[in-house]
Amino acid sequence: MGLPKASLLAQIQLPNFENPQSIFDLLNFRVSEFMGLSGSLVTRICENEYGITREEWQFVAMLAELNAMSPSDLAARTTVDRSQASKTLRALMGKGLVERQSVPGDGRKAVVLLTPAGRDLYAVVFPRVVQVHHEVLQDVSPEVRLILANSLIAIHARALALAQRLKPEGAAGRRLGGSRAHWKNAPKPQPGG
């Protein structure tokens, strides 16, 4: 990801969340832009210095905090679908950072957990990610950080409820051509209509 030019940073204006007039006033766009920028710093640390993806790092960090859990429970804690979670876990197992253990008494069930190498990686990378976290928040007062934290909890809960309520009846189906195939058959917007 390329970084924005300093001249573009100077043009950032306060978004109008109450009455959005453009894409720049939408929360999802602002969060996505922030994640692209801030997340790229973490991605560089993970990929360039340790040879893992940001998604792999997310799984390592979650397993360090949550301990052993089923792959489907781990996927449910993220926005990653189960097939992508499975792919990520296979990559982590191939790197010797995660291991899979059968659940005693039920050979069909398994949990995944960090290996000693995975715990060592976490111990080295987490402080670096915390450093990025602190540097991103350095201009925000402790009081505003608390408001932000509470706001994120409320917004996240609302987004989860909204996602359940507005869940689409059918996905575009990537195996069937995805949004491209759906676009061909969808009614097209009419100018001025």
N, C-alpha and C. Protein backbone atom coordinates (compact mmCIF):
# COMPACT_ATOMS: atom_id res chain seq x y z
N MET A 1 0.84 -1.18 0.00
CA MET A 1 0.00 0.00 0.00
C MET A 1 0.88 1.23 0.00
N GLY A 2 0.61 2.17 -0.89
CA GLY A 2 1.33 3.42 -0.90
C GLY A 2 0.77 4.36 0.16
N LEU A 3 1.63 5.18 0.71
CA LEU A 3 1.18 6.13 1.72
C LEU A 3 0.68 7.39 1.04
N PRO A 4 -0.35 8.06 1.63
CA PRO A 4 -0.86 9.28 1.02
C PRO A 4 0.18 10.39 1.09
N LYS A 5 0.11 11.29 0.13
CA LYS A 5 1.02 12.42 0.11
C LYS A 5 0.67 13.38 1.24
N ALA A 6 1.68 14.08 1.75
CA ALA A 6 1.45 15.02 2.84
C ALA A 6 0.42 16.07 2.47
N SER A 7 0.38 16.48 1.21
CA SER A 7 -0.60 17.49 0.80
C SER A 7 -2.03 16.97 0.93
N LEU A 8 -2.22 15.67 0.73
CA LEU A 8 -3.55 15.09 0.89
C LEU A 8 -3.93 15.00 2.36
N LEU A 9 -2.95 14.74 3.22
CA LEU A 9 -3.23 14.67 4.65
C LEU A 9 -3.71 16.02 5.17
N ALA A 10 -3.16 17.10 4.62
CA ALA A 10 -3.55 18.44 5.06
C ALA A 10 -5.00 18.74 4.69
N GLN A 11 -5.57 18.03 3.73
CA GLN A 11 -6.93 18.29 3.27
C GLN A 11 -7.99 17.52 4.05
N ILE A 12 -7.57 16.67 5.00
CA ILE A 12 -8.54 15.87 5.76
C ILE A 12 -9.43 16.81 6.57
N GLN A 13 -10.73 16.64 6.39
CA GLN A 13 -11.69 17.47 7.10
C GLN A 13 -12.52 16.62 8.04
N LEU A 14 -13.12 17.25 9.00
CA LEU A 14 -13.99 16.57 9.94
C LEU A 14 -15.16 15.96 9.18
N PRO A 15 -15.38 14.66 9.33
CA PRO A 15 -16.50 14.04 8.62
C PRO A 15 -17.83 14.48 9.21
N ASN A 16 -18.82 14.57 8.36
CA ASN A 16 -20.17 14.94 8.79
C ASN A 16 -20.97 13.65 8.95
N PHE A 17 -20.81 12.97 10.10
CA PHE A 17 -21.50 11.71 10.33
C PHE A 17 -23.01 11.90 10.47
N GLU A 18 -23.44 13.07 10.92
CA GLU A 18 -24.88 13.33 11.12
C GLU A 18 -25.63 13.44 9.80
N ASN A 19 -24.98 14.03 8.80
CA ASN A 19 -25.65 14.26 7.53
C ASN A 19 -24.64 14.05 6.40
N PRO A 20 -24.28 12.79 6.11
CA PRO A 20 -23.25 12.52 5.10
C PRO A 20 -23.61 13.10 3.74
N GLN A 21 -22.63 13.78 3.14
CA GLN A 21 -22.81 14.37 1.83
C GLN A 21 -21.94 13.72 0.77
N SER A 22 -20.95 12.94 1.23
CA SER A 22 -20.05 12.26 0.30
C SER A 22 -19.47 11.03 1.00
N ILE A 23 -18.72 10.27 0.26
CA ILE A 23 -18.09 9.08 0.82
C ILE A 23 -17.17 9.43 1.99
N PHE A 24 -16.61 10.64 1.99
CA PHE A 24 -15.70 11.07 3.03
C PHE A 24 -16.39 11.31 4.37
N ASP A 25 -17.72 11.35 4.36
CA ASP A 25 -18.52 11.52 5.57
C ASP A 25 -19.02 10.19 6.14
N LEU A 26 -18.69 9.07 5.52
CA LEU A 26 -19.18 7.76 5.96
C LEU A 26 -18.18 7.09 6.90
N LEU A 27 -18.70 6.60 8.02
CA LEU A 27 -17.86 5.95 9.03
C LEU A 27 -17.08 4.78 8.44
N ASN A 28 -17.75 3.91 7.68
CA ASN A 28 -17.06 2.74 7.12
C ASN A 28 -15.87 3.16 6.24
N PHE A 29 -16.05 4.19 5.45
CA PHE A 29 -14.95 4.67 4.60
C PHE A 29 -13.80 5.18 5.46
N ARG A 30 -14.12 5.97 6.48
CA ARG A 30 -13.08 6.54 7.35
C ARG A 30 -12.32 5.44 8.10
N VAL A 31 -13.04 4.44 8.61
CA VAL A 31 -12.40 3.35 9.33
C VAL A 31 -11.54 2.53 8.37
N SER A 32 -12.04 2.29 7.17
CA SER A 32 -11.29 1.54 6.17
C SER A 32 -10.00 2.27 5.79
N GLU A 33 -10.10 3.56 5.60
CA GLU A 33 -8.91 4.36 5.28
C GLU A 33 -7.90 4.32 6.42
N PHE A 34 -8.41 4.43 7.65
CA PHE A 34 -7.53 4.37 8.82
C PHE A 34 -6.85 3.00 8.91
N MET A 35 -7.61 1.93 8.72
CA MET A 35 -7.04 0.58 8.80
C MET A 35 -6.02 0.35 7.69
N GLY A 36 -6.29 0.88 6.51
CA GLY A 36 -5.33 0.74 5.43
C GLY A 36 -4.01 1.39 5.77
N LEU A 37 -4.07 2.54 6.42
CA LEU A 37 -2.86 3.28 6.76
C LEU A 37 -2.18 2.71 8.00
N SER A 38 -2.90 2.63 9.09
CA SER A 38 -2.32 2.13 10.34
C SER A 38 -2.00 0.65 10.23
N GLY A 39 -2.90 -0.11 9.61
CA GLY A 39 -2.68 -1.55 9.46
C GLY A 39 -1.47 -1.86 8.60
N SER A 40 -1.17 -0.98 7.65
CA SER A 40 -0.01 -1.24 6.79
C SER A 40 1.29 -1.20 7.60
N LEU A 41 1.31 -0.41 8.67
CA LEU A 41 2.49 -0.37 9.52
C LEU A 41 2.72 -1.72 10.20
N VAL A 42 1.62 -2.31 10.69
CA VAL A 42 1.71 -3.64 11.32
C VAL A 42 2.05 -4.69 10.27
N THR A 43 1.45 -4.57 9.09
CA THR A 43 1.73 -5.53 8.02
C THR A 43 3.21 -5.53 7.68
N ARG A 44 3.81 -4.36 7.60
CA ARG A 44 5.24 -4.28 7.28
C ARG A 44 6.09 -4.98 8.33
N ILE A 45 5.74 -4.78 9.59
CA ILE A 45 6.48 -5.47 10.66
C ILE A 45 6.35 -6.98 10.49
N CYS A 46 5.10 -7.44 10.33
CA CYS A 46 4.84 -8.88 10.25
C CYS A 46 5.49 -9.51 9.02
N GLU A 47 5.25 -8.93 7.86
CA GLU A 47 5.73 -9.54 6.61
C GLU A 47 7.22 -9.36 6.41
N ASN A 48 7.70 -8.14 6.58
CA ASN A 48 9.11 -7.86 6.28
C ASN A 48 10.08 -8.42 7.31
N GLU A 49 9.67 -8.43 8.57
CA GLU A 49 10.60 -8.84 9.61
C GLU A 49 10.39 -10.27 10.10
N TYR A 50 9.15 -10.78 10.00
CA TYR A 50 8.86 -12.09 10.58
C TYR A 50 8.25 -13.09 9.61
N GLY A 51 7.96 -12.68 8.39
CA GLY A 51 7.48 -13.60 7.38
C GLY A 51 6.07 -14.14 7.61
N ILE A 52 5.24 -13.37 8.30
CA ILE A 52 3.85 -13.77 8.49
C ILE A 52 2.94 -12.66 7.97
N THR A 53 1.74 -13.03 7.59
CA THR A 53 0.78 -12.03 7.12
C THR A 53 0.12 -11.36 8.32
N ARG A 54 -0.54 -10.25 8.08
CA ARG A 54 -1.27 -9.57 9.16
C ARG A 54 -2.38 -10.47 9.68
N GLU A 55 -3.03 -11.22 8.80
CA GLU A 55 -4.08 -12.14 9.23
C GLU A 55 -3.50 -13.26 10.10
N GLU A 56 -2.34 -13.78 9.72
CA GLU A 56 -1.69 -14.80 10.54
C GLU A 56 -1.33 -14.22 11.91
N TRP A 57 -0.85 -12.97 11.92
CA TRP A 57 -0.54 -12.31 13.18
C TRP A 57 -1.79 -12.19 14.04
N GLN A 58 -2.90 -11.83 13.44
CA GLN A 58 -4.16 -11.70 14.19
C GLN A 58 -4.50 -13.02 14.88
N PHE A 59 -4.35 -14.13 14.18
CA PHE A 59 -4.66 -15.43 14.76
C PHE A 59 -3.67 -15.77 15.89
N VAL A 60 -2.38 -15.49 15.68
CA VAL A 60 -1.39 -15.74 16.72
C VAL A 60 -1.74 -14.93 17.97
N ALA A 61 -2.04 -13.66 17.80
CA ALA A 61 -2.35 -12.79 18.93
C ALA A 61 -3.63 -13.22 19.64
N MET A 62 -4.64 -13.63 18.88
CA MET A 62 -5.88 -14.08 19.51
C MET A 62 -5.66 -15.38 20.28
N LEU A 63 -4.91 -16.31 19.72
CA LEU A 63 -4.64 -17.57 20.43
C LEU A 63 -3.78 -17.32 21.67
N ALA A 64 -2.90 -16.33 21.63
CA ALA A 64 -2.10 -16.00 22.81
C ALA A 64 -3.01 -15.51 23.94
N GLU A 65 -4.06 -14.81 23.58
CA GLU A 65 -4.99 -14.26 24.58
C GLU A 65 -6.06 -15.27 24.99
N LEU A 66 -6.58 -16.02 24.03
CA LEU A 66 -7.74 -16.89 24.28
C LEU A 66 -7.36 -18.35 24.54
N ASN A 67 -6.11 -18.71 24.31
CA ASN A 67 -5.62 -20.08 24.47
C ASN A 67 -6.24 -21.02 23.45
N ALA A 68 -6.26 -22.31 23.74
CA ALA A 68 -6.73 -23.31 22.79
C ALA A 68 -8.22 -23.12 22.52
N MET A 69 -8.59 -23.21 21.24
CA MET A 69 -10.00 -23.12 20.86
C MET A 69 -10.20 -23.83 19.53
N SER A 70 -11.45 -24.10 19.22
CA SER A 70 -11.73 -24.79 17.96
C SER A 70 -11.49 -23.82 16.80
N PRO A 71 -11.11 -24.36 15.65
CA PRO A 71 -10.91 -23.48 14.49
C PRO A 71 -12.17 -22.68 14.14
N SER A 72 -13.34 -23.27 14.27
CA SER A 72 -14.57 -22.54 13.92
C SER A 72 -14.84 -21.43 14.94
N ASP A 73 -14.53 -21.65 16.22
CA ASP A 73 -14.70 -20.59 17.22
C ASP A 73 -13.72 -19.45 16.96
N LEU A 74 -12.51 -19.80 16.55
CA LEU A 74 -11.52 -18.77 16.23
C LEU A 74 -11.99 -17.95 15.04
N ALA A 75 -12.50 -18.61 14.00
CA ALA A 75 -13.01 -17.90 12.83
C ALA A 75 -14.17 -17.00 13.22
N ALA A 76 -15.03 -17.48 14.14
CA ALA A 76 -16.19 -16.69 14.56
C ALA A 76 -15.79 -15.41 15.29
N ARG A 77 -14.60 -15.39 15.88
CA ARG A 77 -14.12 -14.20 16.60
C ARG A 77 -13.57 -13.14 15.64
N THR A 78 -13.49 -13.47 14.36
CA THR A 78 -12.94 -12.54 13.37
C THR A 78 -13.99 -12.28 12.30
N THR A 79 -13.63 -11.49 11.31
CA THR A 79 -14.50 -11.28 10.16
C THR A 79 -14.11 -12.19 9.01
N VAL A 80 -13.25 -13.17 9.30
CA VAL A 80 -12.76 -14.10 8.30
C VAL A 80 -13.72 -15.28 8.21
N ASP A 81 -14.04 -15.73 7.00
CA ASP A 81 -14.91 -16.89 6.88
C ASP A 81 -14.13 -18.15 7.23
N ARG A 82 -14.87 -19.25 7.44
CA ARG A 82 -14.23 -20.47 7.92
C ARG A 82 -13.19 -21.03 6.95
N SER A 83 -13.45 -20.91 5.65
CA SER A 83 -12.47 -21.45 4.69
C SER A 83 -11.17 -20.65 4.73
N GLN A 84 -11.27 -19.33 4.85
CA GLN A 84 -10.06 -18.50 4.95
C GLN A 84 -9.35 -18.75 6.28
N ALA A 85 -10.13 -18.94 7.34
CA ALA A 85 -9.53 -19.25 8.64
C ALA A 85 -8.77 -20.57 8.57
N SER A 86 -9.35 -21.55 7.89
CA SER A 86 -8.69 -22.85 7.73
C SER A 86 -7.38 -22.69 6.96
N LYS A 87 -7.40 -21.90 5.91
CA LYS A 87 -6.19 -21.65 5.11
C LYS A 87 -5.11 -20.97 5.96
N THR A 88 -5.52 -19.99 6.74
CA THR A 88 -4.58 -19.26 7.60
C THR A 88 -3.99 -20.20 8.65
N LEU A 89 -4.84 -21.03 9.25
CA LEU A 89 -4.34 -21.96 10.25
C LEU A 89 -3.37 -22.98 9.65
N ARG A 90 -3.67 -23.46 8.44
CA ARG A 90 -2.75 -24.38 7.77
C ARG A 90 -1.38 -23.72 7.55
N ALA A 91 -1.40 -22.45 7.14
CA ALA A 91 -0.14 -21.72 6.94
C ALA A 91 0.62 -21.60 8.26
N LEU A 92 -0.09 -21.29 9.34
CA LEU A 92 0.56 -21.17 10.65
C LEU A 92 1.09 -22.51 11.14
N MET A 93 0.37 -23.59 10.85
CA MET A 93 0.86 -24.92 11.22
C MET A 93 2.11 -25.26 10.40
N GLY A 94 2.09 -24.89 9.13
CA GLY A 94 3.25 -25.12 8.27
C GLY A 94 4.48 -24.36 8.73
N LYS A 95 4.27 -23.23 9.38
CA LYS A 95 5.38 -22.42 9.89
C LYS A 95 5.76 -22.83 11.32
N GLY A 96 5.04 -23.81 11.86
CA GLY A 96 5.36 -24.29 13.20
C GLY A 96 4.92 -23.37 14.31
N LEU A 97 3.96 -22.48 14.05
CA LEU A 97 3.52 -21.51 15.05
C LEU A 97 2.24 -21.94 15.77
N VAL A 98 1.49 -22.82 15.15
CA VAL A 98 0.22 -23.30 15.70
C VAL A 98 0.20 -24.81 15.55
N GLU A 99 -0.41 -25.48 16.52
CA GLU A 99 -0.61 -26.92 16.40
C GLU A 99 -2.08 -27.25 16.61
N ARG A 100 -2.47 -28.37 16.07
CA ARG A 100 -3.85 -28.86 16.18
C ARG A 100 -3.82 -30.08 17.08
N GLN A 101 -4.75 -30.11 18.06
CA GLN A 101 -4.85 -31.25 18.96
C GLN A 101 -6.27 -31.76 18.97
N SER A 102 -6.42 -33.08 18.92
CA SER A 102 -7.74 -33.69 19.00
C SER A 102 -8.31 -33.50 20.40
N VAL A 103 -9.63 -33.36 20.45
CA VAL A 103 -10.32 -33.25 21.74
C VAL A 103 -10.48 -34.66 22.30
N PRO A 104 -10.00 -34.91 23.51
CA PRO A 104 -10.13 -36.26 24.09
C PRO A 104 -11.60 -36.70 24.11
N GLY A 105 -11.83 -37.92 23.67
CA GLY A 105 -13.18 -38.48 23.67
C GLY A 105 -13.98 -38.19 22.43
N ASP A 106 -13.49 -37.30 21.57
CA ASP A 106 -14.20 -36.99 20.32
C ASP A 106 -13.16 -36.73 19.23
N GLY A 107 -12.82 -37.77 18.50
CA GLY A 107 -11.78 -37.67 17.48
C GLY A 107 -12.12 -36.73 16.34
N ARG A 108 -13.40 -36.36 16.20
CA ARG A 108 -13.79 -35.44 15.11
C ARG A 108 -13.52 -33.99 15.47
N LYS A 109 -13.47 -33.69 16.74
CA LYS A 109 -13.27 -32.30 17.17
C LYS A 109 -11.80 -32.06 17.49
N ALA A 110 -11.38 -30.83 17.27
CA ALA A 110 -9.99 -30.46 17.54
C ALA A 110 -9.94 -29.02 18.02
N VAL A 111 -8.84 -28.70 18.67
CA VAL A 111 -8.55 -27.32 19.04
C VAL A 111 -7.20 -26.95 18.44
N VAL A 112 -7.01 -25.66 18.26
CA VAL A 112 -5.72 -25.16 17.81
C VAL A 112 -5.13 -24.31 18.94
N LEU A 113 -3.82 -24.34 19.04
CA LEU A 113 -3.14 -23.57 20.07
C LEU A 113 -1.75 -23.21 19.59
N LEU A 114 -1.16 -22.22 20.23
CA LEU A 114 0.19 -21.80 19.85
C LEU A 114 1.21 -22.83 20.29
N THR A 115 2.21 -23.01 19.46
CA THR A 115 3.39 -23.81 19.83
C THR A 115 4.32 -22.90 20.63
N PRO A 116 5.36 -23.44 21.21
CA PRO A 116 6.35 -22.57 21.87
C PRO A 116 6.90 -21.50 20.90
N ALA A 117 7.12 -21.88 19.64
CA ALA A 117 7.59 -20.89 18.65
C ALA A 117 6.54 -19.80 18.43
N GLY A 118 5.27 -20.17 18.44
CA GLY A 118 4.19 -19.19 18.29
C GLY A 118 4.14 -18.24 19.47
N ARG A 119 4.32 -18.78 20.68
CA ARG A 119 4.34 -17.92 21.88
C ARG A 119 5.56 -16.99 21.86
N ASP A 120 6.70 -17.51 21.38
CA ASP A 120 7.90 -16.67 21.28
C ASP A 120 7.68 -15.53 20.28
N LEU A 121 7.07 -15.86 19.14
CA LEU A 121 6.78 -14.84 18.14
C LEU A 121 5.88 -13.76 18.73
N TYR A 122 4.84 -14.18 19.42
CA TYR A 122 3.91 -13.24 20.05
C TYR A 122 4.66 -12.32 21.02
N ALA A 123 5.54 -12.90 21.82
CA ALA A 123 6.28 -12.13 22.82
C ALA A 123 7.16 -11.06 22.18
N VAL A 124 7.60 -11.29 20.94
CA VAL A 124 8.46 -10.34 20.25
C VAL A 124 7.64 -9.31 19.46
N VAL A 125 6.59 -9.77 18.78
CA VAL A 125 5.84 -8.88 17.90
C VAL A 125 4.85 -8.01 18.66
N PHE A 126 4.20 -8.54 19.68
CA PHE A 126 3.17 -7.77 20.37
C PHE A 126 3.68 -6.42 20.89
N PRO A 127 4.83 -6.35 21.53
CA PRO A 127 5.32 -5.03 21.96
C PRO A 127 5.52 -4.05 20.80
N ARG A 128 5.89 -4.56 19.64
CA ARG A 128 6.07 -3.69 18.47
C ARG A 128 4.72 -3.14 18.01
N VAL A 129 3.69 -3.99 18.04
CA VAL A 129 2.35 -3.56 17.63
C VAL A 129 1.79 -2.57 18.66
N VAL A 130 2.08 -2.81 19.93
CA VAL A 130 1.65 -1.87 20.98
C VAL A 130 2.32 -0.51 20.76
N GLN A 131 3.56 -0.53 20.34
CA GLN A 131 4.27 0.73 20.06
C GLN A 131 3.55 1.51 18.95
N VAL A 132 3.15 0.83 17.88
CA VAL A 132 2.38 1.47 16.81
C VAL A 132 1.08 2.02 17.38
N HIS A 133 0.40 1.23 18.19
CA HIS A 133 -0.85 1.63 18.84
C HIS A 133 -0.66 2.95 19.60
N HIS A 134 0.38 3.01 20.43
CA HIS A 134 0.63 4.22 21.22
C HIS A 134 0.98 5.41 20.33
N GLU A 135 1.75 5.18 19.30
CA GLU A 135 2.11 6.29 18.42
C GLU A 135 0.91 6.82 17.66
N VAL A 136 0.01 5.94 17.25
CA VAL A 136 -1.20 6.38 16.55
C VAL A 136 -2.07 7.23 17.49
N LEU A 137 -2.12 6.84 18.77
CA LEU A 137 -2.99 7.53 19.73
C LEU A 137 -2.31 8.66 20.50
N GLN A 138 -1.05 8.97 20.17
CA GLN A 138 -0.29 9.92 20.99
C GLN A 138 -0.92 11.30 21.10
N ASP A 139 -1.69 11.73 20.12
CA ASP A 139 -2.29 13.07 20.16
C ASP A 139 -3.71 13.06 20.73
N VAL A 140 -4.14 11.92 21.25
CA VAL A 140 -5.49 11.78 21.79
C VAL A 140 -5.39 11.65 23.30
N SER A 141 -6.12 12.50 24.02
CA SER A 141 -6.04 12.51 25.48
C SER A 141 -6.63 11.22 26.07
N PRO A 142 -6.26 10.88 27.30
CA PRO A 142 -6.83 9.70 27.94
C PRO A 142 -8.36 9.74 28.02
N GLU A 143 -8.91 10.92 28.24
CA GLU A 143 -10.37 11.05 28.32
C GLU A 143 -11.02 10.73 26.98
N VAL A 144 -10.44 11.23 25.90
CA VAL A 144 -10.98 10.97 24.57
C VAL A 144 -10.77 9.51 24.18
N ARG A 145 -9.66 8.91 24.62
CA ARG A 145 -9.42 7.48 24.37
C ARG A 145 -10.52 6.64 25.01
N LEU A 146 -10.94 7.00 26.22
CA LEU A 146 -12.00 6.27 26.89
C LEU A 146 -13.33 6.44 26.15
N ILE A 147 -13.60 7.64 25.69
CA ILE A 147 -14.81 7.87 24.89
C ILE A 147 -14.74 7.06 23.60
N LEU A 148 -13.58 7.05 22.97
CA LEU A 148 -13.40 6.27 21.73
C LEU A 148 -13.63 4.78 22.00
N ALA A 149 -13.05 4.26 23.09
CA ALA A 149 -13.21 2.84 23.42
C ALA A 149 -14.68 2.49 23.63
N ASN A 150 -15.39 3.32 24.39
CA ASN A 150 -16.81 3.07 24.63
C ASN A 150 -17.63 3.21 23.34
N SER A 151 -17.26 4.16 22.52
CA SER A 151 -17.95 4.36 21.24
C SER A 151 -17.74 3.15 20.33
N LEU A 152 -16.52 2.63 20.30
CA LEU A 152 -16.24 1.45 19.47
C LEU A 152 -17.07 0.25 19.91
N ILE A 153 -17.21 0.06 21.22
CA ILE A 153 -18.04 -1.04 21.74
C ILE A 153 -19.48 -0.87 21.26
N ALA A 154 -20.02 0.33 21.39
CA ALA A 154 -21.40 0.58 20.99
C ALA A 154 -21.59 0.42 19.48
N ILE A 155 -20.66 0.95 18.69
CA ILE A 155 -20.75 0.86 17.24
C ILE A 155 -20.61 -0.59 16.79
N HIS A 156 -19.72 -1.33 17.40
CA HIS A 156 -19.53 -2.74 17.05
C HIS A 156 -20.79 -3.54 17.35
N ALA A 157 -21.37 -3.33 18.52
CA ALA A 157 -22.60 -4.05 18.88
C ALA A 157 -23.72 -3.72 17.89
N ARG A 158 -23.82 -2.47 17.53
CA ARG A 158 -24.87 -2.05 16.58
C ARG A 158 -24.62 -2.66 15.20
N ALA A 159 -23.37 -2.68 14.77
CA ALA A 159 -23.05 -3.26 13.46
C ALA A 159 -23.37 -4.76 13.45
N LEU A 160 -23.09 -5.47 14.55
CA LEU A 160 -23.44 -6.89 14.62
C LEU A 160 -24.94 -7.09 14.51
N ALA A 161 -25.71 -6.29 15.25
CA ALA A 161 -27.16 -6.40 15.20
C ALA A 161 -27.68 -6.08 13.80
N LEU A 162 -27.13 -5.05 13.20
CA LEU A 162 -27.55 -4.65 11.85
C LEU A 162 -27.19 -5.73 10.83
N ALA A 163 -26.01 -6.33 10.97
CA ALA A 163 -25.60 -7.40 10.05
C ALA A 163 -26.56 -8.58 10.13
N GLN A 164 -27.02 -8.90 11.33
CA GLN A 164 -27.97 -10.00 11.47
C GLN A 164 -29.33 -9.64 10.88
N ARG A 165 -29.76 -8.41 11.10
CA ARG A 165 -31.08 -7.98 10.62
C ARG A 165 -31.10 -7.82 9.10
N LEU A 166 -30.02 -7.33 8.53
CA LEU A 166 -29.99 -7.04 7.09
C LEU A 166 -29.22 -8.09 6.30
N LYS A 167 -29.02 -9.26 6.90
CA LYS A 167 -28.27 -10.32 6.23
C LYS A 167 -28.91 -10.62 4.87
N PRO A 168 -28.12 -10.56 3.79
CA PRO A 168 -28.70 -10.81 2.47
C PRO A 168 -29.19 -12.25 2.35
N GLU A 169 -30.25 -12.44 1.58
CA GLU A 169 -30.81 -13.78 1.42
C GLU A 169 -29.89 -14.68 0.63
N GLY A 170 -29.17 -14.14 -0.30
CA GLY A 170 -28.24 -14.94 -1.09
C GLY A 170 -26.99 -14.14 -1.36
N ALA A 171 -25.87 -14.80 -1.25
CA ALA A 171 -24.61 -14.14 -1.56
C ALA A 171 -24.41 -14.09 -3.06
N ALA A 172 -23.55 -13.22 -3.51
CA ALA A 172 -23.29 -13.11 -4.95
C ALA A 172 -22.68 -14.40 -5.50
N GLY A 173 -22.08 -15.20 -4.66
CA GLY A 173 -21.55 -16.49 -5.08
C GLY A 173 -20.31 -16.37 -5.96
N ARG A 174 -19.15 -16.32 -5.33
CA ARG A 174 -17.90 -16.16 -6.09
C ARG A 174 -17.69 -17.28 -7.08
N ARG A 175 -18.13 -18.48 -6.76
CA ARG A 175 -17.94 -19.59 -7.69
C ARG A 175 -18.84 -19.46 -8.90
N LEU A 176 -19.86 -18.63 -8.79
CA LEU A 176 -20.78 -18.43 -9.91
C LEU A 176 -20.54 -17.10 -10.61
N GLY A 177 -19.36 -16.52 -10.40
CA GLY A 177 -19.03 -15.27 -11.07
C GLY A 177 -19.10 -14.06 -10.17
N GLY A 178 -19.56 -14.22 -8.92
CA GLY A 178 -19.57 -13.15 -7.93
C GLY A 178 -20.34 -11.92 -8.36
N SER A 179 -19.85 -10.77 -7.93
CA SER A 179 -20.54 -9.51 -8.19
C SER A 179 -20.57 -9.19 -9.68
N ARG A 180 -19.60 -9.66 -10.44
CA ARG A 180 -19.58 -9.42 -11.87
C ARG A 180 -20.81 -10.05 -12.53
N ALA A 181 -21.11 -11.30 -12.18
CA ALA A 181 -22.29 -11.97 -12.74
C ALA A 181 -23.57 -11.31 -12.24
N HIS A 182 -23.55 -10.91 -10.96
CA HIS A 182 -24.72 -10.26 -10.38
C HIS A 182 -24.97 -8.91 -11.06
N TRP A 183 -23.92 -8.18 -11.38
CA TRP A 183 -24.03 -6.88 -12.04
C TRP A 183 -24.73 -7.00 -13.38
N LYS A 184 -24.41 -8.06 -14.13
CA LYS A 184 -25.00 -8.26 -15.45
C LYS A 184 -26.51 -8.39 -15.37
N ASN A 185 -27.03 -8.99 -14.29
CA ASN A 185 -28.45 -9.25 -14.19
C ASN A 185 -29.20 -8.25 -13.32
N ALA A 186 -28.50 -7.38 -12.64
CA ALA A 186 -29.13 -6.43 -11.71
C ALA A 186 -29.71 -5.26 -12.51
N PRO A 187 -30.83 -4.70 -12.01
CA PRO A 187 -31.36 -3.48 -12.65
C PRO A 187 -30.35 -2.35 -12.49
N LYS A 188 -30.13 -1.59 -13.55
CA LYS A 188 -29.14 -0.52 -13.55
C LYS A 188 -29.77 0.79 -13.08
N PRO A 189 -29.03 1.55 -12.27
CA PRO A 189 -29.55 2.85 -11.83
C PRO A 189 -29.74 3.78 -13.03
N GLN A 190 -30.79 4.54 -12.98
CA GLN A 190 -31.08 5.51 -14.04
C GLN A 190 -30.74 6.91 -13.57
N PRO A 191 -30.03 7.68 -14.39
CA PRO A 191 -29.69 9.06 -14.02
C PRO A 191 -30.95 9.85 -13.71
N GLY A 192 -30.90 10.58 -12.59
CA GLY A 192 -32.02 11.45 -12.24
C GLY A 192 -33.24 10.70 -11.73
N GLY A 193 -33.13 9.37 -11.58
CA GLY A 193 -34.30 8.59 -11.19
C GLY A 193 -34.24 8.01 -9.91
